[in-house]
Amino acid sequence: MKITAVANLKAQLSRYLRLVKAGQEILITERNVPVAKIIPVEDLSDDLEALRDLERQGLMRLGTGHLPKDFWKLPRGKDPEASIRRVVREERDRGW
């Protein structure tokens, strides 16, 4: 497995994508701390069929990939205790 820093990945993205396409995994680090891994995509046809199965059972609905035209005008959810903001701040403080 190759290991690279975020800065190197940004500077040489095409090179690393070629390596992933060839089957290698890339571990991404930030300040020498692993933060992500890029792995080759497996054949997703089985996964898509499983999702369609769930949709046929009425357990989920596959998205279209498009947002409704008025999406940004819809009312936002309430968070009176600011718990989402707190969780994001905690993640950032931990170095994420």
PDB file of N, CA and C in Angstrom:
ATOM      1  N   MET A   1       0.847  -1.170   0.000  1.00  0.00           N
ATOM      2  CA  MET A   1       0.000   0.000   0.000  1.00  0.00           C
ATOM      3  C   MET A   1       0.899   1.241   0.000  1.00  0.00           C
ATOM      4  N   LYS A   2       0.568   2.180  -0.865  1.00  0.00           N
ATOM      5  CA  LYS A   2       1.292   3.449  -0.914  1.00  0.00           C
ATOM      6  C   LYS A   2       0.742   4.382   0.157  1.00  0.00           C
ATOM      7  N   ILE A   3       1.600   5.239   0.695  1.00  0.00           N
ATOM      8  CA  ILE A   3       1.201   6.234   1.687  1.00  0.00           C
ATOM      9  C   ILE A   3       1.627   7.600   1.159  1.00  0.00           C
ATOM     10  N   THR A   4       0.712   8.574   1.241  1.00  0.00           N
ATOM     11  CA  THR A   4       1.048   9.923   0.799  1.00  0.00           C
ATOM     12  C   THR A   4       0.312  10.951   1.641  1.00  0.00           C
ATOM     13  N   ALA A   5       0.886  12.136   1.691  1.00  0.00           N
ATOM     14  CA  ALA A   5       0.255  13.239   2.406  1.00  0.00           C
ATOM     15  C   ALA A   5      -0.800  13.895   1.519  1.00  0.00           C
ATOM     16  N   VAL A   6      -1.728  14.583   2.144  1.00  0.00           N
ATOM     17  CA  VAL A   6      -2.791  15.270   1.405  1.00  0.00           C
ATOM     18  C   VAL A   6      -2.197  16.207   0.358  1.00  0.00           C
ATOM     19  N   ALA A   7      -1.170  16.947   0.728  1.00  0.00           N
ATOM     20  CA  ALA A   7      -0.552  17.898  -0.200  1.00  0.00           C
ATOM     21  C   ALA A   7      -0.020  17.189  -1.442  1.00  0.00           C
ATOM     22  N   ASN A   8       0.646  16.036  -1.260  1.00  0.00           N
ATOM     23  CA  ASN A   8       1.149  15.271  -2.404  1.00  0.00           C
ATOM     24  C   ASN A   8       0.008  14.753  -3.258  1.00  0.00           C
ATOM     25  N   LEU A   9      -1.042  14.295  -2.615  1.00  0.00           N
ATOM     26  CA  LEU A   9      -2.191  13.792  -3.356  1.00  0.00           C
ATOM     27  C   LEU A   9      -2.775  14.894  -4.230  1.00  0.00           C
ATOM     28  N   LYS A  10      -2.929  16.084  -3.660  1.00  0.00           N
ATOM     29  CA  LYS A  10      -3.479  17.204  -4.419  1.00  0.00           C
ATOM     30  C   LYS A  10      -2.582  17.564  -5.606  1.00  0.00           C
ATOM     31  N   ALA A  11      -1.281  17.529  -5.386  1.00  0.00           N
ATOM     32  CA  ALA A  11      -0.344  17.922  -6.436  1.00  0.00           C
ATOM     33  C   ALA A  11      -0.213  16.870  -7.536  1.00  0.00           C
ATOM     34  N   GLN A  12      -0.445  15.589  -7.183  1.00  0.00           N
ATOM     35  CA  GLN A  12      -0.227  14.500  -8.141  1.00  0.00           C
ATOM     36  C   GLN A  12      -1.435  13.573  -8.233  1.00  0.00           C
ATOM     37  N   LEU A  13      -2.619  14.148  -8.216  1.00  0.00           N
ATOM     38  CA  LEU A  13      -3.841  13.340  -8.182  1.00  0.00           C
ATOM     39  C   LEU A  13      -3.910  12.353  -9.346  1.00  0.00           C
ATOM     40  N   SER A  14      -3.602  12.796 -10.556  1.00  0.00           N
ATOM     41  CA  SER A  14      -3.678  11.896 -11.718  1.00  0.00           C
ATOM     42  C   SER A  14      -2.783  10.681 -11.540  1.00  0.00           C
ATOM     43  N   ARG A  15      -1.580  10.903 -11.028  1.00  0.00           N
ATOM     44  CA  ARG A  15      -0.643   9.787 -10.810  1.00  0.00           C
ATOM     45  C   ARG A  15      -1.225   8.776  -9.829  1.00  0.00           C
ATOM     46  N   TYR A  16      -1.771   9.274  -8.711  1.00  0.00           N
ATOM     47  CA  TYR A  16      -2.314   8.364  -7.707  1.00  0.00           C
ATOM     48  C   TYR A  16      -3.564   7.647  -8.213  1.00  0.00           C
ATOM     49  N   LEU A  17      -4.371   8.332  -9.005  1.00  0.00           N
ATOM     50  CA  LEU A  17      -5.552   7.661  -9.572  1.00  0.00           C
ATOM     51  C   LEU A  17      -5.143   6.543 -10.532  1.00  0.00           C
ATOM     52  N   ARG A  18      -4.062   6.754 -11.280  1.00  0.00           N
ATOM     53  CA  ARG A  18      -3.565   5.673 -12.146  1.00  0.00           C
ATOM     54  C   ARG A  18      -3.157   4.460 -11.318  1.00  0.00           C
ATOM     55  N   LEU A  19      -2.503   4.705 -10.179  1.00  0.00           N
ATOM     56  CA  LEU A  19      -2.104   3.597  -9.308  1.00  0.00           C
ATOM     57  C   LEU A  19      -3.326   2.849  -8.768  1.00  0.00           C
ATOM     58  N   VAL A  20      -4.352   3.603  -8.376  1.00  0.00           N
ATOM     59  CA  VAL A  20      -5.568   2.971  -7.853  1.00  0.00           C
ATOM     60  C   VAL A  20      -6.255   2.165  -8.948  1.00  0.00           C
ATOM     61  N   LYS A  21      -6.325   2.722 -10.140  1.00  0.00           N
ATOM     62  CA  LYS A  21      -6.934   1.989 -11.267  1.00  0.00           C
ATOM     63  C   LYS A  21      -6.183   0.698 -11.542  1.00  0.00           C
ATOM     64  N   ALA A  22      -4.880   0.701 -11.252  1.00  0.00           N
ATOM     65  CA  ALA A  22      -4.067  -0.501 -11.459  1.00  0.00           C
ATOM     66  C   ALA A  22      -4.204  -1.489 -10.308  1.00  0.00           C
ATOM     67  N   GLY A  23      -5.000  -1.135  -9.278  1.00  0.00           N
ATOM     68  CA  GLY A  23      -5.271  -2.078  -8.198  1.00  0.00           C
ATOM     69  C   GLY A  23      -4.626  -1.743  -6.863  1.00  0.00           C
ATOM     70  N   GLN A  24      -3.839  -0.681  -6.793  1.00  0.00           N
ATOM     71  CA  GLN A  24      -3.182  -0.342  -5.530  1.00  0.00           C
ATOM     72  C   GLN A  24      -4.109   0.457  -4.617  1.00  0.00           C
ATOM     73  N   GLU A  25      -3.843   0.382  -3.329  1.00  0.00           N
ATOM     74  CA  GLU A  25      -4.550   1.193  -2.347  1.00  0.00           C
ATOM     75  C   GLU A  25      -3.618   2.316  -1.910  1.00  0.00           C
ATOM     76  N   ILE A  26      -4.201   3.497  -1.649  1.00  0.00           N
ATOM     77  CA  ILE A  26      -3.420   4.658  -1.232  1.00  0.00           C
ATOM     78  C   ILE A  26      -3.930   5.115   0.122  1.00  0.00           C
ATOM     79  N   LEU A  27      -3.036   5.193   1.104  1.00  0.00           N
ATOM     80  CA  LEU A  27      -3.378   5.698   2.427  1.00  0.00           C
ATOM     81  C   LEU A  27      -3.006   7.180   2.456  1.00  0.00           C
ATOM     82  N   ILE A  28      -3.963   8.029   2.796  1.00  0.00           N
ATOM     83  CA  ILE A  28      -3.757   9.473   2.826  1.00  0.00           C
ATOM     84  C   ILE A  28      -3.518   9.903   4.264  1.00  0.00           C
ATOM     85  N   THR A  29      -2.463  10.704   4.473  1.00  0.00           N
ATOM     86  CA  THR A  29      -2.148  11.179   5.819  1.00  0.00           C
ATOM     87  C   THR A  29      -2.196  12.705   5.867  1.00  0.00           C
ATOM     88  N   GLU A  30      -2.455  13.195   7.061  1.00  0.00           N
ATOM     89  CA  GLU A  30      -2.401  14.627   7.319  1.00  0.00           C
ATOM     90  C   GLU A  30      -1.593  14.796   8.596  1.00  0.00           C
ATOM     91  N   ARG A  31      -0.460  15.447   8.489  1.00  0.00           N
ATOM     92  CA  ARG A  31       0.470  15.580   9.614  1.00  0.00           C
ATOM     93  C   ARG A  31       0.849  14.203  10.174  1.00  0.00           C
ATOM     94  N   ASN A  32       1.091  13.272   9.263  1.00  0.00           N
ATOM     95  CA  ASN A  32       1.489  11.888   9.575  1.00  0.00           C
ATOM     96  C   ASN A  32       0.407  11.080  10.278  1.00  0.00           C
ATOM     97  N   VAL A  33      -0.832  11.548  10.252  1.00  0.00           N
ATOM     98  CA  VAL A  33      -1.954  10.813  10.833  1.00  0.00           C
ATOM     99  C   VAL A  33      -2.842  10.322   9.686  1.00  0.00           C
ATOM    100  N   PRO A  34      -3.101   9.017   9.593  1.00  0.00           N
ATOM    101  CA  PRO A  34      -3.974   8.515   8.528  1.00  0.00           C
ATOM    102  C   PRO A  34      -5.374   9.130   8.636  1.00  0.00           C
ATOM    103  N   VAL A  35      -5.888   9.628   7.500  1.00  0.00           N
ATOM    104  CA  VAL A  35      -7.213  10.242   7.490  1.00  0.00           C
ATOM    105  C   VAL A  35      -8.152   9.611   6.466  1.00  0.00           C
ATOM    106  N   ALA A  36      -7.604   8.936   5.456  1.00  0.00           N
ATOM    107  CA  ALA A  36      -8.466   8.349   4.426  1.00  0.00           C
ATOM    108  C   ALA A  36      -7.686   7.282   3.672  1.00  0.00           C
ATOM    109  N   LYS A  37      -8.448   6.473   2.943  1.00  0.00           N
ATOM    110  CA  LYS A  37      -7.836   5.462   2.092  1.00  0.00           C
ATOM    111  C   LYS A  37      -8.578   5.471   0.756  1.00  0.00           C
ATOM    112  N   ILE A  38      -7.835   5.470  -0.333  1.00  0.00           N
ATOM    113  CA  ILE A  38      -8.428   5.357  -1.662  1.00  0.00           C
ATOM    114  C   ILE A  38      -8.210   3.927  -2.125  1.00  0.00           C
ATOM    115  N   ILE A  39      -9.297   3.269  -2.475  1.00  0.00           N
ATOM    116  CA  ILE A  39      -9.215   1.875  -2.913  1.00  0.00           C
ATOM    117  C   ILE A  39      -9.908   1.741  -4.261  1.00  0.00           C
ATOM    118  N   PRO A  40      -9.519   0.746  -5.052  1.00  0.00           N
ATOM    119  CA  PRO A  40     -10.187   0.538  -6.335  1.00  0.00           C
ATOM    120  C   PRO A  40     -11.668   0.191  -6.123  1.00  0.00           C
ATOM    121  N   VAL A  41     -12.494   0.656  -7.031  1.00  0.00           N
ATOM    122  CA  VAL A  41     -13.923   0.365  -6.965  1.00  0.00           C
ATOM    123  C   VAL A  41     -14.152  -1.053  -7.451  1.00  0.00           C
ATOM    124  N   GLU A  42     -14.967  -1.770  -6.708  1.00  0.00           N
ATOM    125  CA  GLU A  42     -15.332  -3.118  -7.121  1.00  0.00           C
ATOM    126  C   GLU A  42     -16.538  -3.033  -8.056  1.00  0.00           C
ATOM    127  N   ASP A  43     -16.882  -4.126  -8.653  1.00  0.00           N
ATOM    128  CA  ASP A  43     -18.058  -4.170  -9.515  1.00  0.00           C
ATOM    129  C   ASP A  43     -19.296  -3.854  -8.677  1.00  0.00           C
ATOM    130  N   LEU A  44     -19.982  -2.790  -9.023  1.00  0.00           N
ATOM    131  CA  LEU A  44     -21.112  -2.329  -8.222  1.00  0.00           C
ATOM    132  C   LEU A  44     -22.455  -2.870  -8.701  1.00  0.00           C
ATOM    133  N   SER A  45     -22.465  -3.686  -9.735  1.00  0.00           N
ATOM    134  CA  SER A  45     -23.737  -4.151 -10.278  1.00  0.00           C
ATOM    135  C   SER A  45     -24.529  -4.958  -9.245  1.00  0.00           C
ATOM    136  N   ASP A  46     -23.856  -5.770  -8.417  1.00  0.00           N
ATOM    137  CA  ASP A  46     -24.552  -6.528  -7.378  1.00  0.00           C
ATOM    138  C   ASP A  46     -25.144  -5.594  -6.329  1.00  0.00           C
ATOM    139  N   ASP A  47     -24.385  -4.549  -5.967  1.00  0.00           N
ATOM    140  CA  ASP A  47     -24.880  -3.586  -4.982  1.00  0.00           C
ATOM    141  C   ASP A  47     -26.116  -2.863  -5.500  1.00  0.00           C
ATOM    142  N   LEU A  48     -26.079  -2.456  -6.764  1.00  0.00           N
ATOM    143  CA  LEU A  48     -27.218  -1.749  -7.342  1.00  0.00           C
ATOM    144  C   LEU A  48     -28.446  -2.657  -7.365  1.00  0.00           C
ATOM    145  N   GLU A  49     -28.237  -3.909  -7.685  1.00  0.00           N
ATOM    146  CA  GLU A  49     -29.373  -4.844  -7.702  1.00  0.00           C
ATOM    147  C   GLU A  49     -29.936  -5.030  -6.302  1.00  0.00           C
ATOM    148  N   ALA A  50     -29.074  -5.070  -5.296  1.00  0.00           N
ATOM    149  CA  ALA A  50     -29.535  -5.187  -3.913  1.00  0.00           C
ATOM    150  C   ALA A  50     -30.347  -3.952  -3.519  1.00  0.00           C
ATOM    151  N   LEU A  51     -29.906  -2.780  -3.945  1.00  0.00           N
ATOM    152  CA  LEU A  51     -30.659  -1.558  -3.659  1.00  0.00           C
ATOM    153  C   LEU A  51     -32.013  -1.572  -4.360  1.00  0.00           C
ATOM    154  N   ARG A  52     -32.034  -2.033  -5.597  1.00  0.00           N
ATOM    155  CA  ARG A  52     -33.313  -2.125  -6.323  1.00  0.00           C
ATOM    156  C   ARG A  52     -34.253  -3.111  -5.643  1.00  0.00           C
ATOM    157  N   ASP A  53     -33.690  -4.180  -5.083  1.00  0.00           N
ATOM    158  CA  ASP A  53     -34.489  -5.138  -4.322  1.00  0.00           C
ATOM    159  C   ASP A  53     -35.165  -4.459  -3.136  1.00  0.00           C
ATOM    160  N   LEU A  54     -34.392  -3.666  -2.389  1.00  0.00           N
ATOM    161  CA  LEU A  54     -34.946  -2.935  -1.246  1.00  0.00           C
ATOM    162  C   LEU A  54     -36.027  -1.958  -1.692  1.00  0.00           C
ATOM    163  N   GLU A  55     -35.809  -1.338  -2.849  1.00  0.00           N
ATOM    164  CA  GLU A  55     -36.806  -0.408  -3.367  1.00  0.00           C
ATOM    165  C   GLU A  55     -38.103  -1.143  -3.730  1.00  0.00           C
ATOM    166  N   ARG A  56     -37.982  -2.313  -4.343  1.00  0.00           N
ATOM    167  CA  ARG A  56     -39.170  -3.102  -4.702  1.00  0.00           C
ATOM    168  C   ARG A  56     -39.954  -3.522  -3.461  1.00  0.00           C
ATOM    169  N   GLN A  57     -39.237  -3.719  -2.343  1.00  0.00           N
ATOM    170  CA  GLN A  57     -39.899  -4.104  -1.099  1.00  0.00           C
ATOM    171  C   GLN A  57     -40.505  -2.900  -0.380  1.00  0.00           C
ATOM    172  N   GLY A  58     -40.272  -1.716  -0.923  1.00  0.00           N
ATOM    173  CA  GLY A  58     -40.806  -0.505  -0.310  1.00  0.00           C
ATOM    174  C   GLY A  58     -40.012  -0.029   0.892  1.00  0.00           C
ATOM    175  N   LEU A  59     -38.784  -0.522   1.057  1.00  0.00           N
ATOM    176  CA  LEU A  59     -37.971  -0.151   2.211  1.00  0.00           C
ATOM    177  C   LEU A  59     -37.129   1.098   1.972  1.00  0.00           C
ATOM    178  N   MET A  60     -36.954   1.469   0.715  1.00  0.00           N
ATOM    179  CA  MET A  60     -36.193   2.663   0.384  1.00  0.00           C
ATOM    180  C   MET A  60     -36.582   3.137  -1.002  1.00  0.00           C
ATOM    181  N   ARG A  61     -36.107   4.317  -1.352  1.00  0.00           N
ATOM    182  CA  ARG A  61     -36.350   4.842  -2.692  1.00  0.00           C
ATOM    183  C   ARG A  61     -35.017   5.335  -3.246  1.00  0.00           C
ATOM    184  N   LEU A  62     -34.656   4.875  -4.429  1.00  0.00           N
ATOM    185  CA  LEU A  62     -33.419   5.321  -5.062  1.00  0.00           C
ATOM    186  C   LEU A  62     -33.568   6.775  -5.487  1.00  0.00           C
ATOM    187  N   GLY A  63     -32.539   7.550  -5.266  1.00  0.00           N
ATOM    188  CA  GLY A  63     -32.559   8.954  -5.661  1.00  0.00           C
ATOM    189  C   GLY A  63     -32.322   9.111  -7.152  1.00  0.00           C
ATOM    190  N   THR A  64     -32.643  10.301  -7.642  1.00  0.00           N
ATOM    191  CA  THR A  64     -32.446  10.608  -9.059  1.00  0.00           C
ATOM    192  C   THR A  64     -31.082  11.229  -9.314  1.00  0.00           C
ATOM    193  N   GLY A  65     -30.440  11.720  -8.246  1.00  0.00           N
ATOM    194  CA  GLY A  65     -29.179  12.422  -8.412  1.00  0.00           C
ATOM    195  C   GLY A  65     -29.367  13.905  -8.636  1.00  0.00           C
ATOM    196  N   HIS A  66     -30.630  14.370  -8.632  1.00  0.00           N
ATOM    197  CA  HIS A  66     -30.933  15.786  -8.846  1.00  0.00           C
ATOM    198  C   HIS A  66     -31.736  16.317  -7.671  1.00  0.00           C
ATOM    199  N   LEU A  67     -31.415  17.533  -7.249  1.00  0.00           N
ATOM    200  CA  LEU A  67     -32.169  18.180  -6.183  1.00  0.00           C
ATOM    201  C   LEU A  67     -33.394  18.868  -6.782  1.00  0.00           C
ATOM    202  N   PRO A  68     -34.484  18.934  -6.028  1.00  0.00           N
ATOM    203  CA  PRO A  68     -35.645  19.687  -6.509  1.00  0.00           C
ATOM    204  C   PRO A  68     -35.255  21.157  -6.710  1.00  0.00           C
ATOM    205  N   LYS A  69     -35.929  21.850  -7.640  1.00  0.00           N
ATOM    206  CA  LYS A  69     -35.581  23.234  -7.958  1.00  0.00           C
ATOM    207  C   LYS A  69     -35.642  24.146  -6.742  1.00  0.00           C
ATOM    208  N   ASP A  70     -36.586  23.904  -5.837  1.00  0.00           N
ATOM    209  CA  ASP A  70     -36.740  24.777  -4.674  1.00  0.00           C
ATOM    210  C   ASP A  70     -36.013  24.249  -3.442  1.00  0.00           C
ATOM    211  N   PHE A  71     -35.076  23.340  -3.623  1.00  0.00           N
ATOM    212  CA  PHE A  71     -34.403  22.688  -2.495  1.00  0.00           C
ATOM    213  C   PHE A  71     -33.823  23.691  -1.502  1.00  0.00           C
ATOM    214  N   TRP A  72     -33.110  24.712  -1.984  1.00  0.00           N
ATOM    215  CA  TRP A  72     -32.434  25.653  -1.099  1.00  0.00           C
ATOM    216  C   TRP A  72     -33.407  26.598  -0.411  1.00  0.00           C
ATOM    217  N   LYS A  73     -34.646  26.629  -0.861  1.00  0.00           N
ATOM    218  CA  LYS A  73     -35.658  27.484  -0.226  1.00  0.00           C
ATOM    219  C   LYS A  73     -36.466  26.725   0.831  1.00  0.00           C
ATOM    220  N   LEU A  74     -36.302  25.415   0.908  1.00  0.00           N
ATOM    221  CA  LEU A  74     -37.028  24.614   1.881  1.00  0.00           C
ATOM    222  C   LEU A  74     -36.585  24.979   3.293  1.00  0.00           C
ATOM    223  N   PRO A  75     -37.493  24.876   4.276  1.00  0.00           N
ATOM    224  CA  PRO A  75     -37.097  25.200   5.656  1.00  0.00           C
ATOM    225  C   PRO A  75     -36.056  24.212   6.173  1.00  0.00           C
ATOM    226  N   ARG A  76     -35.113  24.724   6.935  1.00  0.00           N
ATOM    227  CA  ARG A  76     -34.074  23.874   7.510  1.00  0.00           C
ATOM    228  C   ARG A  76     -34.561  23.279   8.818  1.00  0.00           C
ATOM    229  N   GLY A  77     -33.989  22.143   9.176  1.00  0.00           N
ATOM    230  CA  GLY A  77     -34.324  21.494  10.437  1.00  0.00           C
ATOM    231  C   GLY A  77     -33.891  22.334  11.623  1.00  0.00           C
ATOM    232  N   LYS A  78     -34.568  22.187  12.716  1.00  0.00           N
ATOM    233  CA  LYS A  78     -34.258  22.940  13.936  1.00  0.00           C
ATOM    234  C   LYS A  78     -33.207  22.189  14.748  1.00  0.00           C
ATOM    235  N   ASP A  79     -32.320  22.930  15.371  1.00  0.00           N
ATOM    236  CA  ASP A  79     -31.292  22.368  16.246  1.00  0.00           C
ATOM    237  C   ASP A  79     -31.091  23.344  17.400  1.00  0.00           C
ATOM    238  N   PRO A  80     -32.098  23.457  18.298  1.00  0.00           N
ATOM    239  CA  PRO A  80     -32.048  24.486  19.339  1.00  0.00           C
ATOM    240  C   PRO A  80     -30.859  24.353  20.298  1.00  0.00           C
ATOM    241  N   GLU A  81     -30.357  23.150  20.510  1.00  0.00           N
ATOM    242  CA  GLU A  81     -29.211  22.987  21.407  1.00  0.00           C
ATOM    243  C   GLU A  81     -27.880  23.105  20.672  1.00  0.00           C
ATOM    244  N   ALA A  82     -27.924  23.390  19.373  1.00  0.00           N
ATOM    245  CA  ALA A  82     -26.714  23.500  18.545  1.00  0.00           C
ATOM    246  C   ALA A  82     -25.866  22.238  18.637  1.00  0.00           C
ATOM    247  N   SER A  83     -26.504  21.076  18.719  1.00  0.00           N
ATOM    248  CA  SER A  83     -25.757  19.822  18.877  1.00  0.00           C
ATOM    249  C   SER A  83     -24.941  19.488  17.630  1.00  0.00           C
ATOM    250  N   ILE A  84     -25.447  19.832  16.453  1.00  0.00           N
ATOM    251  CA  ILE A  84     -24.686  19.547  15.234  1.00  0.00           C
ATOM    252  C   ILE A  84     -23.418  20.389  15.216  1.00  0.00           C
ATOM    253  N   ARG A  85     -23.556  21.667  15.547  1.00  0.00           N
ATOM    254  CA  ARG A  85     -22.393  22.551  15.583  1.00  0.00           C
ATOM    255  C   ARG A  85     -21.370  22.042  16.598  1.00  0.00           C
ATOM    256  N   ARG A  86     -21.836  21.562  17.740  1.00  0.00           N
ATOM    257  CA  ARG A  86     -20.946  21.054  18.786  1.00  0.00           C
ATOM    258  C   ARG A  86     -20.182  19.818  18.293  1.00  0.00           C
ATOM    259  N   VAL A  87     -20.879  18.897  17.633  1.00  0.00           N
ATOM    260  CA  VAL A  87     -20.234  17.687  17.142  1.00  0.00           C
ATOM    261  C   VAL A  87     -19.188  18.027  16.080  1.00  0.00           C
ATOM    262  N   VAL A  88     -19.516  18.943  15.179  1.00  0.00           N
ATOM    263  CA  VAL A  88     -18.558  19.344  14.144  1.00  0.00           C
ATOM    264  C   VAL A  88     -17.325  19.971  14.792  1.00  0.00           C
ATOM    265  N   ARG A  89     -17.540  20.832  15.780  1.00  0.00           N
ATOM    266  CA  ARG A  89     -16.418  21.471  16.471  1.00  0.00           C
ATOM    267  C   ARG A  89     -15.548  20.422  17.157  1.00  0.00           C
ATOM    268  N   GLU A  90     -16.168  19.421  17.802  1.00  0.00           N
ATOM    269  CA  GLU A  90     -15.400  18.363  18.466  1.00  0.00           C
ATOM    270  C   GLU A  90     -14.566  17.566  17.461  1.00  0.00           C
ATOM    271  N   GLU A  91     -15.155  17.264  16.315  1.00  0.00           N
ATOM    272  CA  GLU A  91     -14.399  16.534  15.283  1.00  0.00           C
ATOM    273  C   GLU A  91     -13.210  17.351  14.820  1.00  0.00           C
ATOM    274  N   ARG A  92     -13.429  18.636  14.590  1.00  0.00           N
ATOM    275  CA  ARG A  92     -12.326  19.503  14.149  1.00  0.00           C
ATOM    276  C   ARG A  92     -11.240  19.589  15.202  1.00  0.00           C
ATOM    277  N   ASP A  93     -11.637  19.681  16.477  1.00  0.00           N
ATOM    278  CA  ASP A  93     -10.655  19.763  17.551  1.00  0.00           C
ATOM    279  C   ASP A  93      -9.819  18.492  17.647  1.00  0.00           C
ATOM    280  N   ARG A  94     -10.396  17.351  17.265  1.00  0.00           N
ATOM    281  CA  ARG A  94      -9.661  16.080  17.293  1.00  0.00           C
ATOM    282  C   ARG A  94      -8.741  15.936  16.069  1.00  0.00           C
ATOM    283  N   GLY A  95      -8.780  16.915  15.165  1.00  0.00           N
ATOM    284  CA  GLY A  95      -7.887  16.858  14.007  1.00  0.00           C
ATOM    285  C   GLY A  95      -8.519  16.306  12.766  1.00  0.00           C
ATOM    286  N   TRP A  96      -9.784  16.200  12.732  1.00  0.00           N
ATOM    287  CA  TRP A  96     -10.482  15.683  11.554  1.00  0.00           C
ATOM    288  C   TRP A  96     -10.751  16.772  10.640  1.00  0.00           C
TER     289      TRP A  96
END
